């Protein structure tokens, strides 16, 4: 196919762009995600792909969102303040739009890749990172890869977003940038742009630690089930980076709590 190409990312040669559509592997959660994506569009939120069914190979088909997506190391546009602020605003809009979706589902009949977490305030994206955000210049205009969506509290999603966008990585992690003071400043700006109250910001560092530990546990559980992507991640010692970042966040917990509020 002359108009097709594989898209780079976490799953090598598994996601392909054909024309203005993207064909992706499915999971037990795909039906639920398509219902979410359809609800978003019906609610006037167009910064997410449109679900278009499935191809003859059983892959899901979604619309392609034009723009740039940055993997690590982050591009100058993706690491900019404007991208940080616009990403926070986009996350708030996404969360607000998903509240009405929660009212339409029967939780016993839903299936998610990641476990739902109480209180069920919104649908969490689950991986709100620069590599899943489409930029127009320095402005976040789209969200992609909804596989990890699940019901949960706003702060659960925000905590992981801060880890990825600020980013709260230790100096050994080549994907990161900035000292702890700069990272906290970016986190404060993200929370302010999102509109998160000061009292809810105080638990974000602890949630970051919990979320990263769950990520490491998830990597090993999926590898044990035979997932080749996670097997490769562990072989390449990605989990060790997360464990070092956990230590880094814990070591700077006091600085985070004292600097995150306005």
C-alpha atoms as a PDB file:
ATOM      1  CA  UNK A   1       0.000   0.000   0.000  1.00  0.00           C
ATOM      2  CA  UNK A   2       1.631   3.189  -1.168  1.00  0.00           C
ATOM      3  CA  UNK A   3      -0.369   5.397   1.207  1.00  0.00           C
ATOM      4  CA  UNK A   4       0.445   3.373   4.315  1.00  0.00           C
ATOM      5  CA  UNK A   5       3.241   3.566   6.867  1.00  0.00           C
ATOM      6  CA  UNK A   6       3.966   2.158  10.291  1.00  0.00           C
ATOM      7  CA  UNK A   7       3.857   4.672  13.119  1.00  0.00           C
ATOM      8  CA  UNK A   8       6.647   4.745  15.683  1.00  0.00           C
ATOM      9  CA  UNK A   9       5.914   4.315  19.365  1.00  0.00           C
ATOM     10  CA  UNK A  10       5.722   1.645  22.018  1.00  0.00           C
ATOM     11  CA  UNK A  11       4.560  -1.162  19.703  1.00  0.00           C
ATOM     12  CA  UNK A  12       6.972  -1.781  16.866  1.00  0.00           C
ATOM     13  CA  UNK A  13       5.282  -2.418  13.501  1.00  0.00           C
ATOM     14  CA  UNK A  14       1.838  -2.897  15.065  1.00  0.00           C
ATOM     15  CA  UNK A  15       0.227   0.482  14.385  1.00  0.00           C
ATOM     16  CA  UNK A  16      -0.158   1.495  10.753  1.00  0.00           C
ATOM     17  CA  UNK A  17      -1.456   4.662   9.118  1.00  0.00           C
ATOM     18  CA  UNK A  18      -3.451   4.058   5.943  1.00  0.00           C
ATOM     19  CA  UNK A  19      -4.586   7.249   4.284  1.00  0.00           C
ATOM     20  CA  UNK A  20      -6.304   9.337   6.951  1.00  0.00           C
ATOM     21  CA  UNK A  21      -6.939   6.384   9.249  1.00  0.00           C
ATOM     22  CA  UNK A  22      -4.937   4.468  11.839  1.00  0.00           C
ATOM     23  CA  UNK A  23      -5.221   0.684  12.226  1.00  0.00           C
ATOM     24  CA  UNK A  24      -4.317  -0.618  15.688  1.00  0.00           C
ATOM     25  CA  UNK A  25      -4.321  -3.908  17.620  1.00  0.00           C
ATOM     26  CA  UNK A  26      -7.390  -4.539  19.755  1.00  0.00           C
ATOM     27  CA  UNK A  27      -7.970  -5.828  23.266  1.00  0.00           C
ATOM     28  CA  UNK A  28     -10.876  -6.841  25.441  1.00  0.00           C
ATOM     29  CA  UNK A  29     -11.303  -3.131  26.280  1.00  0.00           C
ATOM     30  CA  UNK A  30     -11.601  -1.881  22.675  1.00  0.00           C
ATOM     31  CA  UNK A  31     -15.405  -1.961  22.506  1.00  0.00           C
ATOM     32  CA  UNK A  32     -15.590   0.154  25.653  1.00  0.00           C
ATOM     33  CA  UNK A  33     -13.012   2.610  24.308  1.00  0.00           C
ATOM     34  CA  UNK A  34     -14.923   3.016  21.042  1.00  0.00           C
ATOM     35  CA  UNK A  35     -18.058   3.848  23.009  1.00  0.00           C
ATOM     36  CA  UNK A  36     -16.053   6.463  24.914  1.00  0.00           C
ATOM     37  CA  UNK A  37     -14.601   7.978  21.734  1.00  0.00           C
ATOM     38  CA  UNK A  38     -18.048   8.146  20.163  1.00  0.00           C
ATOM     39  CA  UNK A  39     -19.436   9.843  23.280  1.00  0.00           C
ATOM     40  CA  UNK A  40     -16.646  12.420  23.181  1.00  0.00           C
ATOM     41  CA  UNK A  41     -17.505  13.415  19.620  1.00  0.00           C
ATOM     42  CA  UNK A  42     -21.225  13.485  20.317  1.00  0.00           C
ATOM     43  CA  UNK A  43     -20.457  15.802  23.246  1.00  0.00           C
ATOM     44  CA  UNK A  44     -18.482  18.227  21.069  1.00  0.00           C
ATOM     45  CA  UNK A  45     -14.984  17.082  22.046  1.00  0.00           C
ATOM     46  CA  UNK A  46     -13.074  16.627  18.775  1.00  0.00           C
ATOM     47  CA  UNK A  47      -9.517  16.377  20.116  1.00  0.00           C
ATOM     48  CA  UNK A  48      -9.709  12.574  20.050  1.00  0.00           C
ATOM     49  CA  UNK A  49      -9.803  10.065  17.183  1.00  0.00           C
ATOM     50  CA  UNK A  50     -13.123   9.055  15.686  1.00  0.00           C
ATOM     51  CA  UNK A  51     -13.839   5.300  15.941  1.00  0.00           C
ATOM     52  CA  UNK A  52     -14.424   3.847  12.473  1.00  0.00           C
ATOM     53  CA  UNK A  53     -14.911   0.147  13.155  1.00  0.00           C
ATOM     54  CA  UNK A  54     -12.543  -2.706  12.333  1.00  0.00           C
ATOM     55  CA  UNK A  55     -10.599  -3.967   9.311  1.00  0.00           C
ATOM     56  CA  UNK A  56     -10.494  -7.466   7.818  1.00  0.00           C
ATOM     57  CA  UNK A  57      -7.593  -8.381  10.112  1.00  0.00           C
ATOM     58  CA  UNK A  58      -9.585  -7.503  13.205  1.00  0.00           C
ATOM     59  CA  UNK A  59      -7.661  -4.316  13.939  1.00  0.00           C
ATOM     60  CA  UNK A  60      -9.534  -1.252  15.115  1.00  0.00           C
ATOM     61  CA  UNK A  61      -9.736   1.733  12.771  1.00  0.00           C
ATOM     62  CA  UNK A  62      -9.683   5.296  14.079  1.00  0.00           C
ATOM     63  CA  UNK A  63      -9.226   8.629  12.357  1.00  0.00           C
ATOM     64  CA  UNK A  64      -5.753  10.153  12.140  1.00  0.00           C
ATOM     65  CA  UNK A  65      -5.176  13.473  13.929  1.00  0.00           C
ATOM     66  CA  UNK A  66      -2.859  15.779  11.994  1.00  0.00           C
ATOM     67  CA  UNK A  67       0.070  17.295  13.879  1.00  0.00           C
ATOM     68  CA  UNK A  68       3.318  16.365  15.576  1.00  0.00           C
ATOM     69  CA  UNK A  69       3.874  13.833  18.352  1.00  0.00           C
ATOM     70  CA  UNK A  70       7.124  13.824  20.298  1.00  0.00           C
ATOM     71  CA  UNK A  71       8.782  10.800  21.809  1.00  0.00           C
ATOM     72  CA  UNK A  72      11.848  11.001  24.032  1.00  0.00           C
ATOM     73  CA  UNK A  73      13.968  13.040  24.102  1.00  0.00           C
ATOM     74  CA  UNK A  74      11.206  15.634  23.862  1.00  0.00           C
ATOM     75  CA  UNK A  75      11.271  18.120  21.023  1.00  0.00           C
ATOM     76  CA  UNK A  76      11.637  21.838  21.877  1.00  0.00           C
ATOM     77  CA  UNK A  77       7.941  22.282  21.094  1.00  0.00           C
ATOM     78  CA  UNK A  78       6.847  19.441  23.367  1.00  0.00           C
ATOM     79  CA  UNK A  79       9.000  20.641  26.273  1.00  0.00           C
ATOM     80  CA  UNK A  80       7.828  24.253  25.966  1.00  0.00           C
ATOM     81  CA  UNK A  81       5.745  26.079  28.554  1.00  0.00           C
ATOM     82  CA  UNK A  82       3.000  26.657  25.993  1.00  0.00           C
ATOM     83  CA  UNK A  83       2.742  22.905  25.373  1.00  0.00           C
ATOM     84  CA  UNK A  84       2.628  22.248  29.129  1.00  0.00           C
ATOM     85  CA  UNK A  85      -0.179  24.752  29.702  1.00  0.00           C
ATOM     86  CA  UNK A  86      -2.217  23.695  26.675  1.00  0.00           C
ATOM     87  CA  UNK A  87      -1.832  20.023  27.646  1.00  0.00           C
ATOM     88  CA  UNK A  88      -3.232  20.811  31.094  1.00  0.00           C
ATOM     89  CA  UNK A  89      -6.169  22.692  29.576  1.00  0.00           C
ATOM     90  CA  UNK A  90      -6.848  19.828  27.155  1.00  0.00           C
ATOM     91  CA  UNK A  91      -6.768  17.257  29.960  1.00  0.00           C
ATOM     92  CA  UNK A  92      -9.282  19.314  31.938  1.00  0.00           C
ATOM     93  CA  UNK A  93     -11.585  19.510  28.923  1.00  0.00           C
ATOM     94  CA  UNK A  94     -11.286  15.758  28.351  1.00  0.00           C
ATOM     95  CA  UNK A  95     -12.007  14.958  31.996  1.00  0.00           C
ATOM     96  CA  UNK A  96     -15.012  17.267  32.122  1.00  0.00           C
ATOM     97  CA  UNK A  97     -16.470  15.728  28.965  1.00  0.00           C
ATOM     98  CA  UNK A  98     -16.110  12.179  30.308  1.00  0.00           C
ATOM     99  CA  UNK A  99     -18.220  12.873  33.377  1.00  0.00           C
ATOM    100  CA  UNK A 100     -21.421  12.451  31.387  1.00  0.00           C
ATOM    101  CA  UNK A 101     -20.047   9.194  29.928  1.00  0.00           C
ATOM    102  CA  UNK A 102     -19.763   7.725  33.427  1.00  0.00           C
ATOM    103  CA  UNK A 103     -23.493   8.250  33.842  1.00  0.00           C
ATOM    104  CA  UNK A 104     -24.206   6.045  30.813  1.00  0.00           C
ATOM    105  CA  UNK A 105     -22.258   2.908  31.760  1.00  0.00           C
ATOM    106  CA  UNK A 106     -23.005  -0.050  34.010  1.00  0.00           C
ATOM    107  CA  UNK A 107     -19.692  -0.755  35.721  1.00  0.00           C
ATOM    108  CA  UNK A 108     -20.313  -4.487  36.030  1.00  0.00           C
ATOM    109  CA  UNK A 109     -20.556  -4.673  32.234  1.00  0.00           C
ATOM    110  CA  UNK A 110     -17.408  -2.692  31.456  1.00  0.00           C
ATOM    111  CA  UNK A 111     -13.895  -3.943  30.832  1.00  0.00           C
ATOM    112  CA  UNK A 112     -10.736  -1.850  30.988  1.00  0.00           C
ATOM    113  CA  UNK A 113      -7.065  -2.607  30.475  1.00  0.00           C
ATOM    114  CA  UNK A 114      -6.188  -0.896  33.760  1.00  0.00           C
ATOM    115  CA  UNK A 115      -8.338  -1.339  36.875  1.00  0.00           C
ATOM    116  CA  UNK A 116     -10.939   1.283  37.720  1.00  0.00           C
ATOM    117  CA  UNK A 117     -10.074   3.315  40.798  1.00  0.00           C
ATOM    118  CA  UNK A 118     -12.475   4.959  43.201  1.00  0.00           C
ATOM    119  CA  UNK A 119     -13.810   7.567  43.467  1.00  0.00           C
ATOM    120  CA  UNK A 120     -15.145   7.412  39.915  1.00  0.00           C
ATOM    121  CA  UNK A 121     -14.989  11.116  39.056  1.00  0.00           C
ATOM    122  CA  UNK A 122     -13.954  10.967  35.392  1.00  0.00           C
ATOM    123  CA  UNK A 123     -12.463   8.652  32.804  1.00  0.00           C
ATOM    124  CA  UNK A 124      -8.696   8.783  33.281  1.00  0.00           C
ATOM    125  CA  UNK A 125      -6.648   8.594  30.095  1.00  0.00           C
ATOM    126  CA  UNK A 126      -4.086   6.498  31.934  1.00  0.00           C
ATOM    127  CA  UNK A 127      -1.073   7.533  29.854  1.00  0.00           C
ATOM    128  CA  UNK A 128      -1.355  11.290  29.378  1.00  0.00           C
ATOM    129  CA  UNK A 129       2.208  11.785  28.199  1.00  0.00           C
ATOM    130  CA  UNK A 130       3.796  13.892  25.430  1.00  0.00           C
ATOM    131  CA  UNK A 131       4.031  10.818  23.195  1.00  0.00           C
ATOM    132  CA  UNK A 132       0.232  10.576  23.281  1.00  0.00           C
ATOM    133  CA  UNK A 133      -0.481  14.248  22.619  1.00  0.00           C
ATOM    134  CA  UNK A 134      -0.689  15.783  19.147  1.00  0.00           C
ATOM    135  CA  UNK A 135       0.806  19.259  18.846  1.00  0.00           C
ATOM    136  CA  UNK A 136       0.203  22.060  16.385  1.00  0.00           C
ATOM    137  CA  UNK A 137       3.433  23.963  16.913  1.00  0.00           C
ATOM    138  CA  UNK A 138       3.575  24.289  20.699  1.00  0.00           C
ATOM    139  CA  UNK A 139      -0.161  23.835  21.277  1.00  0.00           C
ATOM    140  CA  UNK A 140      -1.767  20.541  22.309  1.00  0.00           C
ATOM    141  CA  UNK A 141      -4.624  19.858  19.890  1.00  0.00           C
ATOM    142  CA  UNK A 142      -5.256  16.126  20.162  1.00  0.00           C
ATOM    143  CA  UNK A 143      -5.069  13.051  22.375  1.00  0.00           C
ATOM    144  CA  UNK A 144      -4.281   9.566  21.056  1.00  0.00           C
ATOM    145  CA  UNK A 145      -3.951   5.982  22.351  1.00  0.00           C
ATOM    146  CA  UNK A 146      -6.907   5.527  24.681  1.00  0.00           C
ATOM    147  CA  UNK A 147      -6.176   1.861  25.489  1.00  0.00           C
ATOM    148  CA  UNK A 148      -5.334   2.608  29.129  1.00  0.00           C
ATOM    149  CA  UNK A 149      -8.494   4.631  29.857  1.00  0.00           C
ATOM    150  CA  UNK A 150     -10.385   3.703  33.019  1.00  0.00           C
ATOM    151  CA  UNK A 151     -12.704   5.327  35.574  1.00  0.00           C
ATOM    152  CA  UNK A 152     -10.961   7.094  38.427  1.00  0.00           C
ATOM    153  CA  UNK A 153     -10.318  10.349  40.285  1.00  0.00           C
ATOM    154  CA  UNK A 154      -8.905  13.369  38.484  1.00  0.00           C
ATOM    155  CA  UNK A 155      -5.777  13.443  40.648  1.00  0.00           C
ATOM    156  CA  UNK A 156      -4.831   9.888  39.620  1.00  0.00           C
ATOM    157  CA  UNK A 157      -4.556  10.963  35.987  1.00  0.00           C
ATOM    158  CA  UNK A 158      -2.966  14.311  36.834  1.00  0.00           C
ATOM    159  CA  UNK A 159      -0.254  12.662  38.935  1.00  0.00           C
ATOM    160  CA  UNK A 160       0.998  10.564  36.027  1.00  0.00           C
ATOM    161  CA  UNK A 161       0.670  13.533  33.672  1.00  0.00           C
ATOM    162  CA  UNK A 162       2.955  15.539  35.963  1.00  0.00           C
ATOM    163  CA  UNK A 163       5.501  12.728  35.964  1.00  0.00           C
ATOM    164  CA  UNK A 164       5.586  12.795  32.169  1.00  0.00           C
ATOM    165  CA  UNK A 165       5.257  16.525  31.463  1.00  0.00           C
ATOM    166  CA  UNK A 166       7.323  18.192  34.191  1.00  0.00           C
ATOM    167  CA  UNK A 167       9.033  15.633  34.077  1.00  0.00           C
ATOM    168  CA  UNK A 168       9.823  14.173  37.515  1.00  0.00           C
ATOM    169  CA  UNK A 169      12.785  12.083  36.408  1.00  0.00           C
ATOM    170  CA  UNK A 170      16.041  11.620  38.254  1.00  0.00           C
ATOM    171  CA  UNK A 171      19.223  13.129  36.764  1.00  0.00           C
ATOM    172  CA  UNK A 172      20.322   9.687  35.485  1.00  0.00           C
ATOM    173  CA  UNK A 173      17.215   9.440  33.303  1.00  0.00           C
ATOM    174  CA  UNK A 174      18.157  10.840  29.901  1.00  0.00           C
ATOM    175  CA  UNK A 175      14.481  11.394  29.051  1.00  0.00           C
ATOM    176  CA  UNK A 176      14.228  14.148  31.651  1.00  0.00           C
ATOM    177  CA  UNK A 177      15.352  17.741  31.950  1.00  0.00           C
ATOM    178  CA  UNK A 178      15.513  20.450  34.579  1.00  0.00           C
ATOM    179  CA  UNK A 179      16.360  20.396  38.286  1.00  0.00           C
ATOM    180  CA  UNK A 180      13.807  19.591  40.978  1.00  0.00           C
ATOM    181  CA  UNK A 181      12.937  23.276  41.446  1.00  0.00           C
ATOM    182  CA  UNK A 182      12.210  23.661  37.719  1.00  0.00           C
ATOM    183  CA  UNK A 183      10.165  20.457  37.693  1.00  0.00           C
ATOM    184  CA  UNK A 184       8.072  21.637  40.651  1.00  0.00           C
ATOM    185  CA  UNK A 185       7.534  25.001  38.964  1.00  0.00           C
ATOM    186  CA  UNK A 186       6.229  23.225  35.853  1.00  0.00           C
ATOM    187  CA  UNK A 187       4.004  21.028  38.026  1.00  0.00           C
ATOM    188  CA  UNK A 188       2.542  24.059  39.786  1.00  0.00           C
ATOM    189  CA  UNK A 189       1.815  25.696  36.427  1.00  0.00           C
ATOM    190  CA  UNK A 190       0.199  22.508  35.092  1.00  0.00           C
ATOM    191  CA  UNK A 191      -2.059  22.270  38.151  1.00  0.00           C
ATOM    192  CA  UNK A 192      -2.935  25.964  37.989  1.00  0.00           C
ATOM    193  CA  UNK A 193      -3.787  25.699  34.284  1.00  0.00           C
ATOM    194  CA  UNK A 194      -5.911  22.604  34.926  1.00  0.00           C
ATOM    195  CA  UNK A 195      -7.679  24.341  37.793  1.00  0.00           C
ATOM    196  CA  UNK A 196      -6.741  21.855  40.522  1.00  0.00           C
ATOM    197  CA  UNK A 197      -7.293  23.135  44.055  1.00  0.00           C
ATOM    198  CA  UNK A 198      -4.261  23.518  46.320  1.00  0.00           C
ATOM    199  CA  UNK A 199      -5.424  20.921  48.850  1.00  0.00           C
ATOM    200  CA  UNK A 200      -5.654  18.260  46.139  1.00  0.00           C
ATOM    201  CA  UNK A 201      -2.146  19.017  44.895  1.00  0.00           C
ATOM    202  CA  UNK A 202      -0.565  17.934  48.179  1.00  0.00           C
ATOM    203  CA  UNK A 203      -1.105  14.221  47.495  1.00  0.00           C
ATOM    204  CA  UNK A 204       0.165  14.226  43.907  1.00  0.00           C
ATOM    205  CA  UNK A 205       3.743  13.195  44.716  1.00  0.00           C
ATOM    206  CA  UNK A 206       2.537  10.167  46.683  1.00  0.00           C
ATOM    207  CA  UNK A 207       0.195   9.274  43.837  1.00  0.00           C
ATOM    208  CA  UNK A 208       3.073   9.552  41.359  1.00  0.00           C
ATOM    209  CA  UNK A 209       5.031   7.022  43.400  1.00  0.00           C
ATOM    210  CA  UNK A 210       2.065   4.652  43.595  1.00  0.00           C
ATOM    211  CA  UNK A 211       1.312   5.012  39.891  1.00  0.00           C
ATOM    212  CA  UNK A 212       4.904   4.275  38.873  1.00  0.00           C
ATOM    213  CA  UNK A 213       5.054   1.210  41.108  1.00  0.00           C
ATOM    214  CA  UNK A 214       1.830  -0.051  39.553  1.00  0.00           C
ATOM    215  CA  UNK A 215       3.372   0.552  36.133  1.00  0.00           C
ATOM    216  CA  UNK A 216       6.382  -1.597  37.023  1.00  0.00           C
ATOM    217  CA  UNK A 217       4.104  -4.321  38.424  1.00  0.00           C
ATOM    218  CA  UNK A 218       1.981  -4.171  35.262  1.00  0.00           C
ATOM    219  CA  UNK A 219       5.048  -4.537  33.048  1.00  0.00           C
ATOM    220  CA  UNK A 220       6.077  -7.733  34.822  1.00  0.00           C
ATOM    221  CA  UNK A 221       2.553  -9.177  34.870  1.00  0.00           C
ATOM    222  CA  UNK A 222       2.149  -8.603  31.132  1.00  0.00           C
ATOM    223  CA  UNK A 223       5.592 -10.036  30.410  1.00  0.00           C
ATOM    224  CA  UNK A 224       4.653 -13.129  32.424  1.00  0.00           C
ATOM    225  CA  UNK A 225       1.571 -13.468  30.219  1.00  0.00           C
ATOM    226  CA  UNK A 226       3.809 -13.488  27.148  1.00  0.00           C
ATOM    227  CA  UNK A 227       3.538  -9.889  25.939  1.00  0.00           C
ATOM    228  CA  UNK A 228       6.619  -9.397  23.745  1.00  0.00           C
ATOM    229  CA  UNK A 229       6.620  -5.594  24.083  1.00  0.00           C
ATOM    230  CA  UNK A 230       6.860  -5.734  27.861  1.00  0.00           C
ATOM    231  CA  UNK A 231       9.371  -8.579  27.714  1.00  0.00           C
ATOM    232  CA  UNK A 232      11.585  -6.317  25.624  1.00  0.00           C
ATOM    233  CA  UNK A 233      11.017  -3.366  27.967  1.00  0.00           C
ATOM    234  CA  UNK A 234      12.190  -5.423  30.919  1.00  0.00           C
ATOM    235  CA  UNK A 235      15.129  -6.802  28.961  1.00  0.00           C
ATOM    236  CA  UNK A 236      16.114  -3.201  28.207  1.00  0.00           C
ATOM    237  CA  UNK A 237      15.742  -2.386  31.928  1.00  0.00           C
ATOM    238  CA  UNK A 238      13.028   0.237  31.496  1.00  0.00           C
ATOM    239  CA  UNK A 239      11.630  -0.772  34.875  1.00  0.00           C
ATOM    240  CA  UNK A 240      14.881   0.237  36.563  1.00  0.00           C
ATOM    241  CA  UNK A 241      14.430   3.796  35.288  1.00  0.00           C
ATOM    242  CA  UNK A 242      10.985   3.941  36.875  1.00  0.00           C
ATOM    243  CA  UNK A 243      12.295   2.559  40.165  1.00  0.00           C
ATOM    244  CA  UNK A 244      15.037   5.195  40.212  1.00  0.00           C
ATOM    245  CA  UNK A 245      12.451   7.881  39.495  1.00  0.00           C
ATOM    246  CA  UNK A 246      10.379   6.600  42.419  1.00  0.00           C
ATOM    247  CA  UNK A 247      13.380   7.089  44.705  1.00  0.00           C
ATOM    248  CA  UNK A 248      13.931  10.561  43.263  1.00  0.00           C
ATOM    249  CA  UNK A 249      10.351  11.629  43.940  1.00  0.00           C
ATOM    250  CA  UNK A 250      10.439  10.215  47.469  1.00  0.00           C
ATOM    251  CA  UNK A 251      13.710  12.011  48.204  1.00  0.00           C
ATOM    252  CA  UNK A 252      12.175  15.318  47.086  1.00  0.00           C
ATOM    253  CA  UNK A 253       8.763  14.868  48.678  1.00  0.00           C
ATOM    254  CA  UNK A 254       9.140  17.780  51.114  1.00  0.00           C
ATOM    255  CA  UNK A 255      10.247  20.150  48.356  1.00  0.00           C
ATOM    256  CA  UNK A 256       7.327  19.037  46.194  1.00  0.00           C
ATOM    257  CA  UNK A 257       4.693  19.543  48.879  1.00  0.00           C
ATOM    258  CA  UNK A 258       6.054  22.956  49.833  1.00  0.00           C
ATOM    259  CA  UNK A 259       6.292  24.155  46.217  1.00  0.00           C
ATOM    260  CA  UNK A 260       3.262  22.700  44.437  1.00  0.00           C
ATOM    261  CA  UNK A 261       0.626  25.096  45.797  1.00  0.00           C
ATOM    262  CA  UNK A 262      -0.101  28.696  44.850  1.00  0.00           C
END
